[in-house]
Amino acid sequence: MLAIGEFSRLTHLSVCTLRRYHDAGLLEPATVDPASGYRYYTADQIPTAQVIHRLRELDVPLPDVQRILRSPDPSTRAGLVSDHLQRLESELDRTRAAVASLRRLLRPEPAPLDVELRAVPATTVAAVEDDVEHDHVLDWYAGAMAELDAVVRQPTGPPGGLYDNALFETGRGHLLVYRTTAHPPHSGRVHPLTLPAVELAVTTHVGEHDDIDVTYGELGAWVVRNALVVAGPVRETYVVGPRDTAEPAAWRTQIGWPVFRMAQP
């Protein structure tokens, strides 16, 4: 038998932590002296203590730790751990995006924005469109683009999307993704469409989309400074993206705001 102090040294868990795990029913001592209340452990309990320690380092909630330890099925235990790791990865992605945006926003001298006013003619495309919740945009985009890739055999340009203003203002709005092609098919959700001619204020976002909101803000400020008014849904063109290269630094996304000039007083 190992006294609690000895067990603490072997597992790198403090005596206080071991007592807390005992009270929570996570790791009960092999025996407790009824007279003194001293806790004693066995060497066989060391791996269990180490598993608990690792799970808590990953911020697995105590009730989930209990379910993992008490599950007799290895696949169930693995599934519970996997679910939590996926949640951690999602939180890490959000943290990474926030850090990237803050670094750009806090630069002492922001790089000058390269903006082009571009007249875009009416364009024939194969499109998928729907009203989408803002939180579901990425999943919806992936499914819609997969449908387009499956049926558009000879695209004549990079893929793109139109994002309704309401998507940003109210959290739900119309979203349209497309592939330019001379002969758009009609298959499933994919249908032919002619995008109207438009004048765009265009800039290019470089890299991942973690801080694309900063590029949006810089382009919006440029539009205001140049006495322009946004006149329709934002257009994005995915010139280079994950479908082209696994290197995020090489990604290029053009952001185009439909604009017209305000009348001068």
C-alpha atoms as a PDB file:
ATOM      1  CA  MET A   1       0.000   0.000   0.000  1.00  0.00           C
ATOM      2  CA  LEU A   2       1.083   3.553  -0.723  1.00  0.00           C
ATOM      3  CA  ALA A   3       0.312   6.423   1.604  1.00  0.00           C
ATOM      4  CA  ILE A   4      -1.274   9.425  -0.072  1.00  0.00           C
ATOM      5  CA  GLY A   5       2.001  11.374   0.071  1.00  0.00           C
ATOM      6  CA  GLU A   6       3.901   8.587  -1.673  1.00  0.00           C
ATOM      7  CA  PHE A   7       1.143   8.211  -4.275  1.00  0.00           C
ATOM      8  CA  SER A   8       1.253  11.981  -4.823  1.00  0.00           C
ATOM      9  CA  ARG A   9       4.973  11.862  -5.614  1.00  0.00           C
ATOM     10  CA  LEU A  10       4.528   8.927  -8.005  1.00  0.00           C
ATOM     11  CA  THR A  11       1.657  10.530  -9.951  1.00  0.00           C
ATOM     12  CA  HIS A  12       2.619  14.234  -9.724  1.00  0.00           C
ATOM     13  CA  LEU A  13      -0.835  14.935  -8.321  1.00  0.00           C
ATOM     14  CA  SER A  14      -0.974  17.023  -5.166  1.00  0.00           C
ATOM     15  CA  VAL A  15      -2.445  15.589  -1.993  1.00  0.00           C
ATOM     16  CA  CYS A  16      -5.163  18.204  -2.210  1.00  0.00           C
ATOM     17  CA  THR A  17      -6.010  17.115  -5.765  1.00  0.00           C
ATOM     18  CA  LEU A  18      -6.107  13.441  -4.768  1.00  0.00           C
ATOM     19  CA  ARG A  19      -8.488  14.263  -1.941  1.00  0.00           C
ATOM     20  CA  ARG A  20     -10.671  16.223  -4.342  1.00  0.00           C
ATOM     21  CA  TYR A  21     -10.728  13.320  -6.815  1.00  0.00           C
ATOM     22  CA  HIS A  22     -11.715  11.014  -3.964  1.00  0.00           C
ATOM     23  CA  ASP A  23     -14.563  13.293  -2.904  1.00  0.00           C
ATOM     24  CA  ALA A  24     -15.749  13.518  -6.544  1.00  0.00           C
ATOM     25  CA  GLY A  25     -15.705   9.730  -6.919  1.00  0.00           C
ATOM     26  CA  LEU A  26     -13.050   9.858  -9.639  1.00  0.00           C
ATOM     27  CA  LEU A  27     -10.225   8.068  -7.859  1.00  0.00           C
ATOM     28  CA  GLU A  28     -11.091   6.380  -4.591  1.00  0.00           C
ATOM     29  CA  PRO A  29      -8.272   5.072  -2.407  1.00  0.00           C
ATOM     30  CA  ALA A  30      -7.837   1.318  -2.183  1.00  0.00           C
ATOM     31  CA  THR A  31      -8.486   1.655   1.529  1.00  0.00           C
ATOM     32  CA  VAL A  32      -9.109   4.334   4.135  1.00  0.00           C
ATOM     33  CA  ASP A  33      -7.995   3.778   7.731  1.00  0.00           C
ATOM     34  CA  PRO A  34     -11.234   4.045   9.760  1.00  0.00           C
ATOM     35  CA  ALA A  35      -9.398   5.357  12.796  1.00  0.00           C
ATOM     36  CA  SER A  36      -7.098   7.956  11.273  1.00  0.00           C
ATOM     37  CA  GLY A  37      -8.852   8.637   7.952  1.00  0.00           C
ATOM     38  CA  TYR A  38      -5.556   8.166   6.136  1.00  0.00           C
ATOM     39  CA  ARG A  39      -5.914   7.227   2.484  1.00  0.00           C
ATOM     40  CA  TYR A  40      -3.888   4.425   0.932  1.00  0.00           C
ATOM     41  CA  TYR A  41      -3.471   3.532  -2.738  1.00  0.00           C
ATOM     42  CA  THR A  42      -2.030   0.665  -4.731  1.00  0.00           C
ATOM     43  CA  ALA A  43       0.523   0.758  -7.513  1.00  0.00           C
ATOM     44  CA  ASP A  44      -2.158  -0.516  -9.878  1.00  0.00           C
ATOM     45  CA  GLN A  45      -3.987   2.809  -9.464  1.00  0.00           C
ATOM     46  CA  ILE A  46      -1.099   4.855 -10.856  1.00  0.00           C
ATOM     47  CA  PRO A  47      -2.168   4.522 -14.548  1.00  0.00           C
ATOM     48  CA  THR A  48      -5.731   5.546 -13.674  1.00  0.00           C
ATOM     49  CA  ALA A  49      -4.459   8.600 -11.823  1.00  0.00           C
ATOM     50  CA  GLN A  50      -2.299   9.526 -14.811  1.00  0.00           C
ATOM     51  CA  VAL A  51      -5.254   9.179 -17.208  1.00  0.00           C
ATOM     52  CA  ILE A  52      -7.328  11.489 -14.993  1.00  0.00           C
ATOM     53  CA  HIS A  53      -4.440  13.944 -14.866  1.00  0.00           C
ATOM     54  CA  ARG A  54      -4.160  14.056 -18.661  1.00  0.00           C
ATOM     55  CA  LEU A  55      -7.910  14.436 -19.130  1.00  0.00           C
ATOM     56  CA  ARG A  56      -8.030  17.311 -16.664  1.00  0.00           C
ATOM     57  CA  GLU A  57      -5.081  18.968 -18.433  1.00  0.00           C
ATOM     58  CA  LEU A  58      -7.324  18.929 -21.526  1.00  0.00           C
ATOM     59  CA  ASP A  59     -10.098  20.594 -19.468  1.00  0.00           C
ATOM     60  CA  VAL A  60     -12.373  17.561 -19.717  1.00  0.00           C
ATOM     61  CA  PRO A  61     -15.217  18.283 -17.241  1.00  0.00           C
ATOM     62  CA  LEU A  62     -15.320  16.045 -14.156  1.00  0.00           C
ATOM     63  CA  PRO A  63     -18.625  14.375 -15.146  1.00  0.00           C
ATOM     64  CA  ASP A  64     -17.116  13.467 -18.536  1.00  0.00           C
ATOM     65  CA  VAL A  65     -14.010  12.094 -16.838  1.00  0.00           C
ATOM     66  CA  GLN A  66     -16.270   9.882 -14.738  1.00  0.00           C
ATOM     67  CA  ARG A  67     -18.086   8.612 -17.822  1.00  0.00           C
ATOM     68  CA  ILE A  68     -14.791   7.862 -19.571  1.00  0.00           C
ATOM     69  CA  LEU A  69     -13.382   5.962 -16.594  1.00  0.00           C
ATOM     70  CA  ARG A  70     -16.561   4.006 -15.933  1.00  0.00           C
ATOM     71  CA  SER A  71     -17.202   2.980 -19.512  1.00  0.00           C
ATOM     72  CA  PRO A  72     -16.212  -0.682 -20.036  1.00  0.00           C
ATOM     73  CA  ASP A  73     -16.161  -0.279 -23.827  1.00  0.00           C
ATOM     74  CA  PRO A  74     -12.853   1.053 -25.265  1.00  0.00           C
ATOM     75  CA  SER A  75     -14.585   2.459 -28.354  1.00  0.00           C
ATOM     76  CA  THR A  76     -17.026   4.406 -26.177  1.00  0.00           C
ATOM     77  CA  ARG A  77     -14.146   5.822 -24.127  1.00  0.00           C
ATOM     78  CA  ALA A  78     -12.297   6.768 -27.307  1.00  0.00           C
ATOM     79  CA  GLY A  79     -15.423   8.423 -28.703  1.00  0.00           C
ATOM     80  CA  LEU A  80     -15.923  10.546 -25.564  1.00  0.00           C
ATOM     81  CA  VAL A  81     -12.304  11.704 -25.686  1.00  0.00           C
ATOM     82  CA  SER A  82     -12.533  12.390 -29.430  1.00  0.00           C
ATOM     83  CA  ASP A  83     -15.653  14.529 -28.965  1.00  0.00           C
ATOM     84  CA  HIS A  84     -13.891  16.659 -26.391  1.00  0.00           C
ATOM     85  CA  LEU A  85     -10.777  17.018 -28.548  1.00  0.00           C
ATOM     86  CA  GLN A  86     -12.936  18.249 -31.422  1.00  0.00           C
ATOM     87  CA  ARG A  87     -14.440  20.886 -29.123  1.00  0.00           C
ATOM     88  CA  LEU A  88     -10.942  21.940 -28.082  1.00  0.00           C
ATOM     89  CA  GLU A  89      -9.841  22.203 -31.710  1.00  0.00           C
ATOM     90  CA  SER A  90     -12.852  24.406 -32.492  1.00  0.00           C
ATOM     91  CA  GLU A  91     -12.004  26.670 -29.569  1.00  0.00           C
ATOM     92  CA  LEU A  92      -8.373  26.759 -30.706  1.00  0.00           C
ATOM     93  CA  ASP A  93      -9.474  27.783 -34.211  1.00  0.00           C
ATOM     94  CA  ARG A  94     -11.527  30.641 -32.757  1.00  0.00           C
ATOM     95  CA  THR A  95      -8.594  31.733 -30.599  1.00  0.00           C
ATOM     96  CA  ARG A  96      -6.208  31.594 -33.557  1.00  0.00           C
ATOM     97  CA  ALA A  97      -8.588  33.693 -35.663  1.00  0.00           C
ATOM     98  CA  ALA A  98      -8.924  36.305 -32.923  1.00  0.00           C
ATOM     99  CA  VAL A  99      -5.150  36.486 -32.472  1.00  0.00           C
ATOM    100  CA  ALA A 100      -4.565  36.913 -36.215  1.00  0.00           C
ATOM    101  CA  SER A 101      -7.110  39.735 -36.375  1.00  0.00           C
ATOM    102  CA  LEU A 102      -5.683  41.497 -33.321  1.00  0.00           C
ATOM    103  CA  ARG A 103      -2.153  41.358 -34.677  1.00  0.00           C
ATOM    104  CA  ARG A 104      -3.256  43.073 -37.861  1.00  0.00           C
ATOM    105  CA  LEU A 105      -5.391  45.617 -36.031  1.00  0.00           C
ATOM    106  CA  LEU A 106      -2.598  46.531 -33.608  1.00  0.00           C
ATOM    107  CA  ARG A 107       0.102  47.050 -36.220  1.00  0.00           C
ATOM    108  CA  PRO A 108       1.631  50.517 -35.711  1.00  0.00           C
ATOM    109  CA  GLU A 109       1.640  51.203 -39.449  1.00  0.00           C
ATOM    110  CA  PRO A 110      -0.939  49.190 -41.415  1.00  0.00           C
ATOM    111  CA  ALA A 111       0.095  48.316 -44.941  1.00  0.00           C
ATOM    112  CA  PRO A 112      -1.642  50.475 -47.570  1.00  0.00           C
ATOM    113  CA  LEU A 113      -4.643  48.779 -49.142  1.00  0.00           C
ATOM    114  CA  ASP A 114      -4.488  48.116 -52.864  1.00  0.00           C
ATOM    115  CA  VAL A 115      -7.996  48.719 -54.265  1.00  0.00           C
ATOM    116  CA  GLU A 116      -9.136  48.604 -57.865  1.00  0.00           C
ATOM    117  CA  LEU A 117     -12.421  49.892 -59.285  1.00  0.00           C
ATOM    118  CA  ARG A 118     -13.441  47.207 -61.735  1.00  0.00           C
ATOM    119  CA  ALA A 119     -16.341  47.063 -64.192  1.00  0.00           C
ATOM    120  CA  VAL A 120     -17.532  43.456 -64.358  1.00  0.00           C
ATOM    121  CA  PRO A 121     -19.808  42.482 -67.270  1.00  0.00           C
ATOM    122  CA  ALA A 122     -22.832  40.231 -66.958  1.00  0.00           C
ATOM    123  CA  THR A 123     -21.537  36.709 -66.352  1.00  0.00           C
ATOM    124  CA  THR A 124     -23.055  33.289 -67.040  1.00  0.00           C
ATOM    125  CA  VAL A 125     -22.547  30.905 -64.124  1.00  0.00           C
ATOM    126  CA  ALA A 126     -23.691  27.640 -62.619  1.00  0.00           C
ATOM    127  CA  ALA A 127     -25.010  28.505 -59.170  1.00  0.00           C
ATOM    128  CA  VAL A 128     -26.271  27.079 -55.904  1.00  0.00           C
ATOM    129  CA  GLU A 129     -28.125  29.468 -53.625  1.00  0.00           C
ATOM    130  CA  ASP A 130     -30.190  29.528 -50.448  1.00  0.00           C
ATOM    131  CA  ASP A 131     -30.930  31.498 -47.289  1.00  0.00           C
ATOM    132  CA  VAL A 132     -28.292  30.502 -44.726  1.00  0.00           C
ATOM    133  CA  GLU A 133     -27.592  31.132 -41.050  1.00  0.00           C
ATOM    134  CA  HIS A 134     -24.267  32.912 -40.550  1.00  0.00           C
ATOM    135  CA  ASP A 135     -22.975  30.147 -38.245  1.00  0.00           C
ATOM    136  CA  HIS A 136     -23.688  27.543 -40.949  1.00  0.00           C
ATOM    137  CA  VAL A 137     -21.994  29.325 -43.849  1.00  0.00           C
ATOM    138  CA  LEU A 138     -18.844  27.178 -43.947  1.00  0.00           C
ATOM    139  CA  ASP A 139     -20.719  23.862 -43.915  1.00  0.00           C
ATOM    140  CA  TRP A 140     -23.235  25.103 -46.487  1.00  0.00           C
ATOM    141  CA  TYR A 141     -20.457  26.443 -48.708  1.00  0.00           C
ATOM    142  CA  ALA A 142     -18.576  23.131 -48.624  1.00  0.00           C
ATOM    143  CA  GLY A 143     -21.674  21.172 -49.659  1.00  0.00           C
ATOM    144  CA  ALA A 144     -22.720  23.611 -52.373  1.00  0.00           C
ATOM    145  CA  MET A 145     -19.236  23.808 -53.875  1.00  0.00           C
ATOM    146  CA  ALA A 146     -18.969  20.017 -53.892  1.00  0.00           C
ATOM    147  CA  GLU A 147     -22.176  19.878 -55.957  1.00  0.00           C
ATOM    148  CA  LEU A 148     -20.820  22.435 -58.394  1.00  0.00           C
ATOM    149  CA  ASP A 149     -17.515  20.598 -58.754  1.00  0.00           C
ATOM    150  CA  ALA A 150     -19.391  17.380 -59.490  1.00  0.00           C
ATOM    151  CA  VAL A 151     -21.380  18.731 -62.449  1.00  0.00           C
ATOM    152  CA  VAL A 152     -19.438  21.692 -63.898  1.00  0.00           C
ATOM    153  CA  ARG A 153     -16.988  20.012 -66.267  1.00  0.00           C
ATOM    154  CA  GLN A 154     -15.278  23.003 -67.865  1.00  0.00           C
ATOM    155  CA  PRO A 155     -15.227  26.046 -65.567  1.00  0.00           C
ATOM    156  CA  THR A 156     -13.902  29.193 -67.190  1.00  0.00           C
ATOM    157  CA  GLY A 157     -12.702  30.910 -64.034  1.00  0.00           C
ATOM    158  CA  PRO A 158     -12.202  30.561 -60.286  1.00  0.00           C
ATOM    159  CA  PRO A 159     -15.177  29.888 -57.994  1.00  0.00           C
ATOM    160  CA  GLY A 160     -16.949  32.725 -56.251  1.00  0.00           C
ATOM    161  CA  GLY A 161     -19.744  33.695 -53.930  1.00  0.00           C
ATOM    162  CA  LEU A 162     -22.265  36.484 -53.334  1.00  0.00           C
ATOM    163  CA  TYR A 163     -23.019  37.329 -49.710  1.00  0.00           C
ATOM    164  CA  ASP A 164     -26.229  39.197 -48.929  1.00  0.00           C
ATOM    165  CA  ASN A 165     -25.888  42.163 -46.559  1.00  0.00           C
ATOM    166  CA  ALA A 166     -28.475  40.616 -44.217  1.00  0.00           C
ATOM    167  CA  LEU A 167     -26.075  37.742 -43.578  1.00  0.00           C
ATOM    168  CA  PHE A 168     -23.842  40.165 -41.679  1.00  0.00           C
ATOM    169  CA  GLU A 169     -26.546  42.469 -40.330  1.00  0.00           C
ATOM    170  CA  THR A 170     -29.029  39.945 -38.925  1.00  0.00           C
ATOM    171  CA  GLY A 171     -27.111  36.647 -38.950  1.00  0.00           C
ATOM    172  CA  ARG A 172     -29.175  35.135 -41.777  1.00  0.00           C
ATOM    173  CA  GLY A 173     -29.175  36.021 -45.436  1.00  0.00           C
ATOM    174  CA  HIS A 174     -28.999  34.887 -49.025  1.00  0.00           C
ATOM    175  CA  LEU A 175     -25.819  33.122 -50.085  1.00  0.00           C
ATOM    176  CA  LEU A 176     -24.920  32.146 -53.651  1.00  0.00           C
ATOM    177  CA  VAL A 177     -21.832  30.251 -54.792  1.00  0.00           C
ATOM    178  CA  TYR A 178     -20.961  29.738 -58.429  1.00  0.00           C
ATOM    179  CA  ARG A 179     -18.604  28.492 -61.116  1.00  0.00           C
ATOM    180  CA  THR A 180     -18.312  30.457 -64.344  1.00  0.00           C
ATOM    181  CA  THR A 181     -18.986  28.272 -67.385  1.00  0.00           C
ATOM    182  CA  ALA A 182     -20.253  28.714 -70.924  1.00  0.00           C
ATOM    183  CA  HIS A 183     -22.761  25.891 -70.557  1.00  0.00           C
ATOM    184  CA  PRO A 184     -24.107  25.790 -66.995  1.00  0.00           C
ATOM    185  CA  PRO A 185     -25.940  22.549 -66.178  1.00  0.00           C
ATOM    186  CA  HIS A 186     -29.237  22.095 -64.384  1.00  0.00           C
ATOM    187  CA  SER A 187     -28.712  19.312 -61.851  1.00  0.00           C
ATOM    188  CA  GLY A 188     -30.017  19.041 -58.290  1.00  0.00           C
ATOM    189  CA  ARG A 189     -29.504  22.415 -56.628  1.00  0.00           C
ATOM    190  CA  VAL A 190     -27.196  23.569 -59.431  1.00  0.00           C
ATOM    191  CA  HIS A 191     -28.874  25.870 -61.947  1.00  0.00           C
ATOM    192  CA  PRO A 192     -27.888  28.368 -64.665  1.00  0.00           C
ATOM    193  CA  LEU A 193     -27.804  32.023 -63.715  1.00  0.00           C
ATOM    194  CA  THR A 194     -26.635  35.312 -65.179  1.00  0.00           C
ATOM    195  CA  LEU A 195     -24.935  37.582 -62.670  1.00  0.00           C
ATOM    196  CA  PRO A 196     -25.730  41.211 -63.571  1.00  0.00           C
ATOM    197  CA  ALA A 197     -23.059  43.641 -64.684  1.00  0.00           C
ATOM    198  CA  VAL A 198     -21.650  45.603 -61.770  1.00  0.00           C
ATOM    199  CA  GLU A 199     -18.902  48.008 -60.742  1.00  0.00           C
ATOM    200  CA  LEU A 200     -16.796  46.651 -57.890  1.00  0.00           C
ATOM    201  CA  ALA A 201     -14.275  48.067 -55.485  1.00  0.00           C
ATOM    202  CA  VAL A 202     -11.898  45.103 -55.323  1.00  0.00           C
ATOM    203  CA  THR A 203      -9.064  44.227 -52.974  1.00  0.00           C
ATOM    204  CA  THR A 204      -7.266  40.937 -52.328  1.00  0.00           C
ATOM    205  CA  HIS A 205      -7.140  39.217 -48.967  1.00  0.00           C
ATOM    206  CA  VAL A 206      -3.917  37.217 -48.567  1.00  0.00           C
ATOM    207  CA  GLY A 207      -3.776  33.952 -46.626  1.00  0.00           C
ATOM    208  CA  GLU A 208      -6.298  32.208 -44.405  1.00  0.00           C
ATOM    209  CA  HIS A 209      -9.695  33.707 -43.635  1.00  0.00           C
ATOM    210  CA  ASP A 210      -8.962  34.033 -39.909  1.00  0.00           C
ATOM    211  CA  ASP A 211      -8.610  37.800 -40.270  1.00  0.00           C
ATOM    212  CA  ILE A 212     -10.627  38.415 -43.436  1.00  0.00           C
ATOM    213  CA  ASP A 213     -12.953  40.611 -41.381  1.00  0.00           C
ATOM    214  CA  VAL A 214     -10.062  43.078 -41.031  1.00  0.00           C
ATOM    215  CA  THR A 215      -9.694  43.237 -44.822  1.00  0.00           C
ATOM    216  CA  TYR A 216     -13.443  43.822 -45.084  1.00  0.00           C
ATOM    217  CA  GLY A 217     -13.120  46.723 -42.647  1.00  0.00           C
ATOM    218  CA  GLU A 218     -10.188  48.248 -44.516  1.00  0.00           C
ATOM    219  CA  LEU A 219     -12.023  47.999 -47.826  1.00  0.00           C
ATOM    220  CA  GLY A 220     -15.144  49.531 -46.287  1.00  0.00           C
ATOM    221  CA  ALA A 221     -13.117  52.457 -44.952  1.00  0.00           C
ATOM    222  CA  TRP A 222     -11.608  52.968 -48.409  1.00  0.00           C
ATOM    223  CA  VAL A 223     -15.093  52.997 -49.954  1.00  0.00           C
ATOM    224  CA  VAL A 224     -16.261  55.649 -47.483  1.00  0.00           C
ATOM    225  CA  ARG A 225     -13.174  57.825 -47.997  1.00  0.00           C
ATOM    226  CA  ASN A 226     -13.713  57.760 -51.751  1.00  0.00           C
ATOM    227  CA  ALA A 227     -17.365  58.830 -51.566  1.00  0.00           C
ATOM    228  CA  LEU A 228     -18.746  55.498 -52.743  1.00  0.00           C
ATOM    229  CA  VAL A 229     -21.849  53.666 -51.607  1.00  0.00           C
ATOM    230  CA  VAL A 230     -22.234  49.918 -51.363  1.00  0.00           C
ATOM    231  CA  ALA A 231     -24.962  48.883 -53.784  1.00  0.00           C
ATOM    232  CA  GLY A 232     -25.534  45.154 -53.385  1.00  0.00           C
ATOM    233  CA  PRO A 233     -24.224  41.856 -52.021  1.00  0.00           C
ATOM    234  CA  VAL A 234     -20.501  41.477 -51.497  1.00  0.00           C
ATOM    235  CA  ARG A 235     -18.749  39.272 -54.043  1.00  0.00           C
ATOM    236  CA  GLU A 236     -15.843  37.015 -53.173  1.00  0.00           C
ATOM    237  CA  THR A 237     -13.662  35.305 -55.767  1.00  0.00           C
ATOM    238  CA  TYR A 238     -11.453  32.433 -54.617  1.00  0.00           C
ATOM    239  CA  VAL A 239      -8.487  32.967 -56.917  1.00  0.00           C
ATOM    240  CA  VAL A 240      -6.257  30.590 -54.947  1.00  0.00           C
ATOM    241  CA  GLY A 241      -7.568  28.504 -52.076  1.00  0.00           C
ATOM    242  CA  PRO A 242      -7.415  25.136 -50.315  1.00  0.00           C
ATOM    243  CA  ARG A 243      -8.597  23.420 -53.501  1.00  0.00           C
ATOM    244  CA  ASP A 244      -5.450  24.725 -55.238  1.00  0.00           C
ATOM    245  CA  THR A 245      -2.745  24.449 -52.572  1.00  0.00           C
ATOM    246  CA  ALA A 246      -2.344  23.225 -49.008  1.00  0.00           C
ATOM    247  CA  GLU A 247      -0.142  26.235 -48.215  1.00  0.00           C
ATOM    248  CA  PRO A 248      -2.365  28.900 -46.562  1.00  0.00           C
ATOM    249  CA  ALA A 249       0.155  31.683 -47.222  1.00  0.00           C
ATOM    250  CA  ALA A 250      -0.506  31.255 -50.954  1.00  0.00           C
ATOM    251  CA  TRP A 251      -4.292  31.689 -50.699  1.00  0.00           C
ATOM    252  CA  ARG A 252      -5.784  34.737 -52.420  1.00  0.00           C
ATOM    253  CA  THR A 253      -9.396  35.855 -52.005  1.00  0.00           C
ATOM    254  CA  GLN A 254     -10.673  38.863 -53.917  1.00  0.00           C
ATOM    255  CA  ILE A 255     -13.341  40.876 -52.104  1.00  0.00           C
ATOM    256  CA  GLY A 256     -15.537  42.979 -54.377  1.00  0.00           C
ATOM    257  CA  TRP A 257     -18.057  45.516 -53.085  1.00  0.00           C
ATOM    258  CA  PRO A 258     -20.642  46.684 -55.626  1.00  0.00           C
ATOM    259  CA  VAL A 259     -20.481  50.478 -55.523  1.00  0.00           C
ATOM    260  CA  PHE A 260     -21.676  53.662 -57.135  1.00  0.00           C
ATOM    261  CA  ARG A 261     -20.474  57.206 -56.605  1.00  0.00           C
ATOM    262  CA  MET A 262     -22.472  59.562 -54.404  1.00  0.00           C
ATOM    263  CA  ALA A 263     -23.564  62.808 -56.018  1.00  0.00           C
ATOM    264  CA  GLN A 264     -21.394  65.681 -54.892  1.00  0.00           C
ATOM    265  CA  PRO A 265     -23.252  68.530 -53.105  1.00  0.00           C
END
